[in-house]
C-alpha atoms as a PDB file:
ATOM      1  CA  MET A   1     186.886  87.992 193.636  1.00  0.00           C
ATOM      2  CA  LYS A   2     183.232  88.233 194.461  1.00  0.00           C
ATOM      3  CA  ALA A   3     181.203  85.235 195.332  1.00  0.00           C
ATOM      4  CA  LEU A   4     178.147  84.755 192.910  1.00  0.00           C
ATOM      5  CA  SER A   5     174.746  84.761 194.396  1.00  0.00           C
ATOM      6  CA  ILE A   6     172.456  81.684 194.284  1.00  0.00           C
ATOM      7  CA  PRO A   7     169.916  83.369 191.619  1.00  0.00           C
ATOM      8  CA  ALA A   8     173.024  84.387 189.507  1.00  0.00           C
ATOM      9  CA  LEU A   9     174.494  80.706 189.641  1.00  0.00           C
ATOM     10  CA  PHE A  10     170.932  79.437 188.773  1.00  0.00           C
ATOM     11  CA  THR A  11     170.599  81.748 185.759  1.00  0.00           C
ATOM     12  CA  LEU A  12     173.830  80.931 184.495  1.00  0.00           C
ATOM     13  CA  ALA A  13     173.271  77.122 184.803  1.00  0.00           C
ATOM     14  CA  VAL A  14     169.948  77.457 182.983  1.00  0.00           C
ATOM     15  CA  SER A  15     171.316  79.476 180.266  1.00  0.00           C
ATOM     16  CA  LEU A  16     174.251  77.137 179.577  1.00  0.00           C
ATOM     17  CA  ALA A  17     171.850  73.976 179.476  1.00  0.00           C
ATOM     18  CA  ALA A  18     169.149  75.573 177.454  1.00  0.00           C
ATOM     19  CA  PRO A  19     170.962  74.981 173.930  1.00  0.00           C
ATOM     20  CA  ALA A  20     171.753  71.320 174.648  1.00  0.00           C
ATOM     21  CA  MET A  21     167.995  70.714 175.871  1.00  0.00           C
ATOM     22  CA  ALA A  22     166.721  72.418 172.610  1.00  0.00           C
ATOM     23  CA  GLN A  23     168.648  69.910 170.627  1.00  0.00           C
ATOM     24  CA  THR A  24     167.219  66.755 172.318  1.00  0.00           C
ATOM     25  CA  ASP A  25     165.546  64.508 169.940  1.00  0.00           C
ATOM     26  CA  HIS A  26     161.950  64.368 171.358  1.00  0.00           C
ATOM     27  CA  SER A  27     160.473  62.137 168.504  1.00  0.00           C
ATOM     28  CA  MET A  28     159.143  58.935 169.110  1.00  0.00           C
ATOM     29  CA  HIS A  29     161.575  57.249 166.699  1.00  0.00           C
ATOM     30  CA  GLY A  30     162.349  53.483 167.727  1.00  0.00           C
ATOM     31  CA  MET A  31     158.995  53.479 169.840  1.00  0.00           C
ATOM     32  CA  ALA A  32     157.057  50.234 169.405  1.00  0.00           C
ATOM     33  CA  ALA A  33     153.680  51.184 167.620  1.00  0.00           C
ATOM     34  CA  THR A  34     150.539  50.104 169.228  1.00  0.00           C
ATOM     35  CA  LYS A  35     147.977  48.516 166.918  1.00  0.00           C
ATOM     36  CA  PRO A  36     144.145  48.614 167.707  1.00  0.00           C
ATOM     37  CA  ALA A  37     142.677  45.580 169.185  1.00  0.00           C
ATOM     38  CA  THR A  38     139.898  45.189 166.759  1.00  0.00           C
ATOM     39  CA  ALA A  39     139.033  46.207 163.234  1.00  0.00           C
ATOM     40  CA  ALA A  40     136.277  48.493 164.565  1.00  0.00           C
ATOM     41  CA  ALA A  41     138.841  50.401 166.696  1.00  0.00           C
ATOM     42  CA  SER A  42     141.169  50.775 163.503  1.00  0.00           C
ATOM     43  CA  SER A  43     138.417  52.279 161.473  1.00  0.00           C
ATOM     44  CA  GLY A  44     137.190  54.479 164.212  1.00  0.00           C
ATOM     45  CA  MET A  45     133.906  52.521 164.335  1.00  0.00           C
ATOM     46  CA  GLY A  46     132.155  50.877 167.286  1.00  0.00           C
ATOM     47  CA  ASP A  47     129.871  47.718 167.078  1.00  0.00           C
ATOM     48  CA  GLY A  48     126.312  48.161 168.253  1.00  0.00           C
ATOM     49  CA  LEU A  49     122.964  46.456 168.451  1.00  0.00           C
ATOM     50  CA  VAL A  50     119.855  48.796 167.403  1.00  0.00           C
ATOM     51  CA  LYS A  51     117.398  48.495 170.277  1.00  0.00           C
ATOM     52  CA  LYS A  52     114.961  51.173 169.150  1.00  0.00           C
ATOM     53  CA  VAL A  53     114.151  53.598 166.271  1.00  0.00           C
ATOM     54  CA  ASP A  54     112.464  56.807 167.202  1.00  0.00           C
ATOM     55  CA  LYS A  55     111.399  58.740 164.139  1.00  0.00           C
ATOM     56  CA  ALA A  56     109.532  61.192 165.999  1.00  0.00           C
ATOM     57  CA  ARG A  57     112.676  62.321 168.029  1.00  0.00           C
ATOM     58  CA  GLY A  58     115.148  61.570 165.247  1.00  0.00           C
ATOM     59  CA  THR A  59     117.150  59.034 167.347  1.00  0.00           C
ATOM     60  CA  VAL A  60     118.255  55.422 167.242  1.00  0.00           C
ATOM     61  CA  THR A  61     118.915  53.705 170.595  1.00  0.00           C
ATOM     62  CA  LEU A  62     122.103  51.592 170.533  1.00  0.00           C
ATOM     63  CA  ALA A  63     123.453  49.154 172.851  1.00  0.00           C
ATOM     64  CA  HIS A  64     127.471  49.257 172.299  1.00  0.00           C
ATOM     65  CA  GLY A  65     130.621  48.182 173.778  1.00  0.00           C
ATOM     66  CA  ALA A  66     133.441  50.497 174.373  1.00  0.00           C
ATOM     67  CA  LEU A  67     133.869  53.025 171.443  1.00  0.00           C
ATOM     68  CA  PRO A  68     137.140  54.321 169.890  1.00  0.00           C
ATOM     69  CA  ASN A  69     136.410  57.720 171.102  1.00  0.00           C
ATOM     70  CA  GLY A  70     136.742  56.403 174.831  1.00  0.00           C
ATOM     71  CA  MET A  71     132.864  56.045 175.526  1.00  0.00           C
ATOM     72  CA  PRO A  72     132.320  53.147 177.821  1.00  0.00           C
ATOM     73  CA  PRO A  73     130.015  50.307 177.033  1.00  0.00           C
ATOM     74  CA  MET A  74     126.176  51.498 177.409  1.00  0.00           C
ATOM     75  CA  THR A  75     122.732  51.774 175.784  1.00  0.00           C
ATOM     76  CA  MET A  76     121.730  55.230 174.706  1.00  0.00           C
ATOM     77  CA  ALA A  77     119.875  57.260 172.199  1.00  0.00           C
ATOM     78  CA  TYR A  78     121.974  58.954 169.395  1.00  0.00           C
ATOM     79  CA  LYS A  79     120.854  61.563 166.870  1.00  0.00           C
ATOM     80  CA  VAL A  80     121.500  60.563 163.277  1.00  0.00           C
ATOM     81  CA  LYS A  81     123.159  62.545 160.515  1.00  0.00           C
ATOM     82  CA  ASP A  82     120.560  61.497 157.965  1.00  0.00           C
ATOM     83  CA  ALA A  83     116.915  61.116 159.056  1.00  0.00           C
ATOM     84  CA  ALA A  84     116.418  58.748 156.113  1.00  0.00           C
ATOM     85  CA  TRP A  85     118.408  56.143 158.009  1.00  0.00           C
ATOM     86  CA  LEU A  86     115.752  55.813 160.441  1.00  0.00           C
ATOM     87  CA  ASP A  87     113.694  54.164 157.746  1.00  0.00           C
ATOM     88  CA  GLN A  88     116.385  51.666 157.073  1.00  0.00           C
ATOM     89  CA  LEU A  89     117.393  50.762 160.786  1.00  0.00           C
ATOM     90  CA  LYS A  90     115.336  48.083 162.732  1.00  0.00           C
ATOM     91  CA  ALA A  91     115.374  46.787 166.288  1.00  0.00           C
ATOM     92  CA  GLY A  92     117.771  43.933 166.588  1.00  0.00           C
ATOM     93  CA  GLN A  93     120.038  44.713 163.748  1.00  0.00           C
ATOM     94  CA  LYS A  94     123.803  44.606 164.367  1.00  0.00           C
ATOM     95  CA  ILE A  95     125.629  47.719 163.041  1.00  0.00           C
ATOM     96  CA  ARG A  96     129.141  49.255 163.069  1.00  0.00           C
ATOM     97  CA  PHE A  97     128.890  52.864 163.505  1.00  0.00           C
ATOM     98  CA  ALA A  98     131.023  56.117 163.908  1.00  0.00           C
ATOM     99  CA  THR A  99     130.068  59.131 165.885  1.00  0.00           C
ATOM    100  CA  ASP A 100     130.726  62.758 165.682  1.00  0.00           C
ATOM    101  CA  PRO A 101     133.549  63.919 167.944  1.00  0.00           C
ATOM    102  CA  ALA A 102     132.340  67.757 167.419  1.00  0.00           C
ATOM    103  CA  ASP A 103     129.274  67.037 169.592  1.00  0.00           C
ATOM    104  CA  GLY A 104     130.792  64.727 172.094  1.00  0.00           C
ATOM    105  CA  GLY A 105     129.922  61.540 170.146  1.00  0.00           C
ATOM    106  CA  MET A 106     126.182  62.201 170.292  1.00  0.00           C
ATOM    107  CA  THR A 107     125.414  61.979 166.638  1.00  0.00           C
ATOM    108  CA  VAL A 108     125.805  58.727 164.337  1.00  0.00           C
ATOM    109  CA  LEU A 109     127.853  59.963 161.199  1.00  0.00           C
ATOM    110  CA  ARG A 110     128.015  56.730 159.510  1.00  0.00           C
ATOM    111  CA  TYR A 111     127.039  53.250 159.846  1.00  0.00           C
ATOM    112  CA  GLU A 112     127.077  49.850 158.120  1.00  0.00           C
ATOM    113  CA  LEU A 113     124.981  46.694 158.785  1.00  0.00           C
ATOM    114  CA  VAL A 114     126.742  43.663 160.003  1.00  0.00           C
ATOM    115  CA  LYS A 115     125.966  40.444 158.541  1.00  0.00           C
END
């Protein structure tokens, strides 16, 4: 009887194991679901403070905490989806807002005033 070579043994082992590996349950059933830490995170919105409204540039500068999209706390200027919002927003207002993931989170898609 001829001895099998190492590559032949490896191929045989992989071909025998493949069907068993394909049937392995890769679902996450039974895993504990994590819940967002805040209501803002669960809605995809972050909390911010309006620092400046620049109608000429079409931006609003917001100071915000960490956003659900992973952006860390900072103060930066955002474009807005609707230029009419710049007439409604005022420095000092607290808002909850969501940004557009398509442009890297640089545009405010929606907002609501926080009372």
